[in-house]
Structure formats: C-alpha cells, structure tokens
N, C-alpha and C. Protein backbone atom coordinates (compact mmCIF):
# COMPACT_ATOMS: atom_id res chain seq x y z
N UNK A 1 14.06 -35.30 13.27
CA UNK A 1 13.81 -33.90 13.56
C UNK A 1 14.55 -32.98 12.59
N UNK A 2 15.83 -33.22 12.28
CA UNK A 2 16.51 -32.33 11.34
C UNK A 2 15.83 -32.26 9.97
N UNK A 3 15.28 -33.38 9.50
CA UNK A 3 14.60 -33.37 8.20
C UNK A 3 13.34 -32.50 8.26
N UNK A 4 12.61 -32.57 9.36
CA UNK A 4 11.42 -31.75 9.56
C UNK A 4 11.79 -30.27 9.56
N UNK A 5 12.83 -29.94 10.30
CA UNK A 5 13.27 -28.55 10.38
C UNK A 5 13.70 -28.04 9.00
N UNK A 6 14.37 -28.88 8.26
CA UNK A 6 14.81 -28.49 6.91
C UNK A 6 13.61 -28.22 6.00
N UNK A 7 12.57 -29.06 6.09
CA UNK A 7 11.36 -28.85 5.27
C UNK A 7 10.70 -27.52 5.61
N UNK A 8 10.62 -27.22 6.90
CA UNK A 8 10.00 -25.96 7.32
C UNK A 8 10.81 -24.78 6.77
N UNK A 9 12.11 -24.86 6.90
CA UNK A 9 12.96 -23.77 6.40
C UNK A 9 12.86 -23.62 4.89
N UNK A 10 12.76 -24.73 4.18
CA UNK A 10 12.60 -24.66 2.72
C UNK A 10 11.27 -23.99 2.36
N UNK A 11 10.24 -24.35 3.08
CA UNK A 11 8.90 -23.82 2.80
C UNK A 11 8.82 -22.32 3.06
N UNK A 12 9.54 -21.84 4.07
CA UNK A 12 9.43 -20.44 4.48
C UNK A 12 10.72 -19.66 4.27
N UNK A 13 11.35 -19.91 3.12
CA UNK A 13 12.50 -19.11 2.67
C UNK A 13 13.62 -19.03 3.70
N UNK A 14 13.95 -20.17 4.30
CA UNK A 14 15.06 -20.23 5.24
C UNK A 14 14.73 -19.87 6.67
N UNK A 15 13.49 -19.49 6.92
CA UNK A 15 13.08 -19.10 8.27
C UNK A 15 12.49 -20.31 9.01
N UNK A 16 12.73 -20.38 10.30
CA UNK A 16 12.13 -21.39 11.16
C UNK A 16 10.96 -20.70 11.85
N UNK A 17 9.73 -21.05 11.45
CA UNK A 17 8.55 -20.40 12.03
C UNK A 17 7.67 -21.44 12.69
N UNK A 18 6.91 -21.01 13.67
CA UNK A 18 6.02 -21.94 14.39
C UNK A 18 4.78 -22.26 13.56
N UNK A 19 4.04 -23.23 14.00
CA UNK A 19 2.83 -23.64 13.30
C UNK A 19 1.78 -22.55 13.22
N UNK A 20 1.67 -21.74 14.28
CA UNK A 20 0.69 -20.64 14.26
C UNK A 20 1.02 -19.64 13.15
N UNK A 21 2.28 -19.29 13.06
CA UNK A 21 2.69 -18.34 12.01
C UNK A 21 2.56 -18.99 10.64
N UNK A 22 2.85 -20.28 10.54
CA UNK A 22 2.69 -20.99 9.27
C UNK A 22 1.25 -20.93 8.79
N UNK A 23 0.32 -21.13 9.72
CA UNK A 23 -1.10 -21.04 9.36
C UNK A 23 -1.49 -19.62 8.99
N UNK A 24 -0.93 -18.64 9.68
CA UNK A 24 -1.23 -17.24 9.35
C UNK A 24 -0.70 -16.88 7.96
N UNK A 25 0.47 -17.41 7.60
CA UNK A 25 1.02 -17.16 6.27
C UNK A 25 0.11 -17.78 5.21
N UNK A 26 -0.35 -19.01 5.44
CA UNK A 26 -1.28 -19.65 4.50
C UNK A 26 -2.55 -18.82 4.35
N UNK A 27 -3.05 -18.31 5.47
CA UNK A 27 -4.26 -17.48 5.45
C UNK A 27 -4.04 -16.20 4.64
N UNK A 28 -2.88 -15.58 4.80
CA UNK A 28 -2.56 -14.38 4.03
C UNK A 28 -2.59 -14.68 2.53
N UNK A 29 -2.04 -15.82 2.15
CA UNK A 29 -2.02 -16.20 0.74
C UNK A 29 -3.44 -16.38 0.22
N UNK A 30 -4.29 -17.07 1.01
CA UNK A 30 -5.66 -17.35 0.56
C UNK A 30 -6.53 -16.11 0.51
N UNK A 31 -6.36 -15.18 1.45
CA UNK A 31 -7.27 -14.03 1.50
C UNK A 31 -6.75 -12.82 0.75
N UNK A 32 -5.62 -12.91 0.11
CA UNK A 32 -5.01 -11.75 -0.53
C UNK A 32 -5.83 -11.21 -1.70
N UNK A 33 -6.64 -12.05 -2.33
CA UNK A 33 -7.43 -11.57 -3.46
C UNK A 33 -6.66 -11.62 -4.77
N UNK A 34 -5.38 -11.83 -4.68
CA UNK A 34 -4.55 -12.00 -5.88
C UNK A 34 -3.46 -12.99 -5.52
N UNK A 35 -2.80 -13.50 -6.49
CA UNK A 35 -1.76 -14.50 -6.26
C UNK A 35 -0.52 -13.84 -5.67
N UNK A 36 -0.19 -14.21 -4.43
CA UNK A 36 1.05 -13.72 -3.81
C UNK A 36 1.88 -14.93 -3.41
N UNK A 37 3.15 -14.71 -3.25
CA UNK A 37 4.06 -15.77 -2.86
C UNK A 37 4.20 -15.87 -1.35
N UNK A 38 4.89 -16.90 -0.93
CA UNK A 38 5.12 -17.13 0.49
C UNK A 38 5.87 -15.96 1.12
N UNK A 39 6.85 -15.44 0.42
CA UNK A 39 7.65 -14.35 0.98
C UNK A 39 6.80 -13.10 1.25
N UNK A 40 5.95 -12.74 0.31
CA UNK A 40 5.08 -11.58 0.52
C UNK A 40 4.09 -11.85 1.66
N UNK A 41 3.57 -13.06 1.73
CA UNK A 41 2.64 -13.41 2.81
C UNK A 41 3.34 -13.34 4.16
N UNK A 42 4.60 -13.78 4.23
CA UNK A 42 5.35 -13.68 5.48
C UNK A 42 5.58 -12.22 5.86
N UNK A 43 5.87 -11.39 4.89
CA UNK A 43 6.07 -9.96 5.15
C UNK A 43 4.80 -9.34 5.69
N UNK A 44 3.67 -9.66 5.09
CA UNK A 44 2.39 -9.14 5.58
C UNK A 44 2.12 -9.59 7.00
N UNK A 45 2.40 -10.85 7.29
CA UNK A 45 2.18 -11.37 8.64
C UNK A 45 3.09 -10.66 9.64
N UNK A 46 4.35 -10.46 9.28
CA UNK A 46 5.28 -9.77 10.18
C UNK A 46 4.84 -8.33 10.43
N UNK A 47 4.32 -7.67 9.40
CA UNK A 47 3.83 -6.30 9.57
C UNK A 47 2.63 -6.28 10.52
N UNK A 48 1.75 -7.27 10.37
CA UNK A 48 0.60 -7.38 11.27
C UNK A 48 1.06 -7.59 12.71
N UNK A 49 2.05 -8.47 12.88
CA UNK A 49 2.57 -8.75 14.23
C UNK A 49 3.18 -7.50 14.85
N UNK A 50 3.95 -6.77 14.07
CA UNK A 50 4.55 -5.53 14.59
C UNK A 50 3.48 -4.53 15.00
N UNK A 51 2.46 -4.39 14.18
CA UNK A 51 1.38 -3.45 14.47
C UNK A 51 0.62 -3.87 15.72
N UNK A 52 0.36 -5.16 15.87
CA UNK A 52 -0.39 -5.61 17.04
C UNK A 52 0.46 -5.52 18.31
N UNK A 53 1.76 -5.69 18.18
CA UNK A 53 2.65 -5.59 19.33
C UNK A 53 2.74 -4.15 19.82
N UNK A 54 2.72 -3.21 18.90
CA UNK A 54 2.86 -1.80 19.28
C UNK A 54 1.60 -1.25 19.93
N UNK A 55 0.49 -1.97 19.81
CA UNK A 55 -0.75 -1.48 20.40
C UNK A 55 -0.90 -1.86 21.86
N UNK A 56 0.12 -2.47 22.46
CA UNK A 56 0.10 -2.80 23.88
C UNK A 56 -0.06 -4.29 24.10
N UNK A 57 0.06 -4.71 25.36
CA UNK A 57 -0.02 -6.14 25.66
C UNK A 57 -1.41 -6.70 25.38
N UNK A 58 -1.43 -7.92 24.91
CA UNK A 58 -2.70 -8.57 24.59
C UNK A 58 -3.14 -9.48 25.73
N UNK A 59 -4.43 -9.52 26.00
CA UNK A 59 -4.92 -10.45 27.01
C UNK A 59 -4.98 -11.88 26.47
N UNK A 60 -4.71 -12.05 25.19
CA UNK A 60 -4.79 -13.36 24.55
C UNK A 60 -3.53 -14.17 24.84
N UNK A 61 -3.66 -15.36 25.48
CA UNK A 61 -2.47 -16.16 25.80
C UNK A 61 -1.72 -16.65 24.55
N UNK A 62 -2.39 -16.73 23.41
CA UNK A 62 -1.71 -17.15 22.17
C UNK A 62 -0.62 -16.16 21.79
N UNK A 63 -0.82 -14.90 22.09
CA UNK A 63 0.18 -13.88 21.78
C UNK A 63 1.45 -14.15 22.60
N UNK A 64 1.29 -14.57 23.84
CA UNK A 64 2.46 -14.88 24.66
C UNK A 64 3.20 -16.08 24.09
N UNK A 65 2.48 -17.06 23.58
CA UNK A 65 3.10 -18.22 22.95
C UNK A 65 3.87 -17.80 21.71
N UNK A 66 3.27 -16.96 20.90
CA UNK A 66 3.93 -16.48 19.68
C UNK A 66 5.21 -15.72 20.04
N UNK A 67 5.16 -14.90 21.06
CA UNK A 67 6.34 -14.15 21.49
C UNK A 67 7.44 -15.10 21.94
N UNK A 68 7.08 -16.12 22.68
CA UNK A 68 8.06 -17.10 23.13
C UNK A 68 8.67 -17.85 21.95
N UNK A 69 7.86 -18.20 20.98
CA UNK A 69 8.35 -18.93 19.80
C UNK A 69 9.32 -18.06 19.00
N UNK A 70 9.10 -16.77 18.99
CA UNK A 70 9.98 -15.87 18.21
C UNK A 70 11.37 -15.80 18.85
N UNK A 71 11.49 -16.15 20.13
CA UNK A 71 12.78 -16.08 20.80
C UNK A 71 13.62 -17.32 20.59
N UNK A 72 13.07 -18.36 19.98
CA UNK A 72 13.84 -19.56 19.68
C UNK A 72 14.83 -19.23 18.57
N UNK A 73 16.09 -19.57 18.76
CA UNK A 73 17.11 -19.24 17.75
C UNK A 73 16.78 -19.85 16.39
N UNK A 74 17.04 -19.07 15.36
CA UNK A 74 16.78 -19.56 14.00
C UNK A 74 17.98 -20.22 13.50
C-alpha cells in the first residue's frame, strides 16, 4: 500500500487524490485543446469543483463520495 500511495503522490505533484479526480485530471489534459501539464489540469479540476460546490447541493451521489474523499488526510 505505501508504494501505491507514493506512486499516486508522484503522479499528482505530492497530492493524494481519489480515482475519480485522477480520471477528471486525465480528461482535462485530453480535452484542453493544447498541451497542458498535470498541475494545470489539477488546478482546472479544482476550480470546477469549487464552482459546482457553490451552486448548491447535488442530487448526484458521486458528489457525496468526492466530498468524503476530500476529507481523507493528505
């Protein structure tokens, strides 16, 4: 398990992120239309998350999972 956690942190600039966010970061990189790095893709994803959170509670249960994952200590 520690080796897995280390690989995830290396991939995402020291951050421990869940698989859902990892996939969202990959999607940001692919759909950007230009070559962006992991760090910029993570920033875009975090901005999207903040914007969606401020629009009120979501009926989507995946959002609750994402919120719970964000509370896991890094």
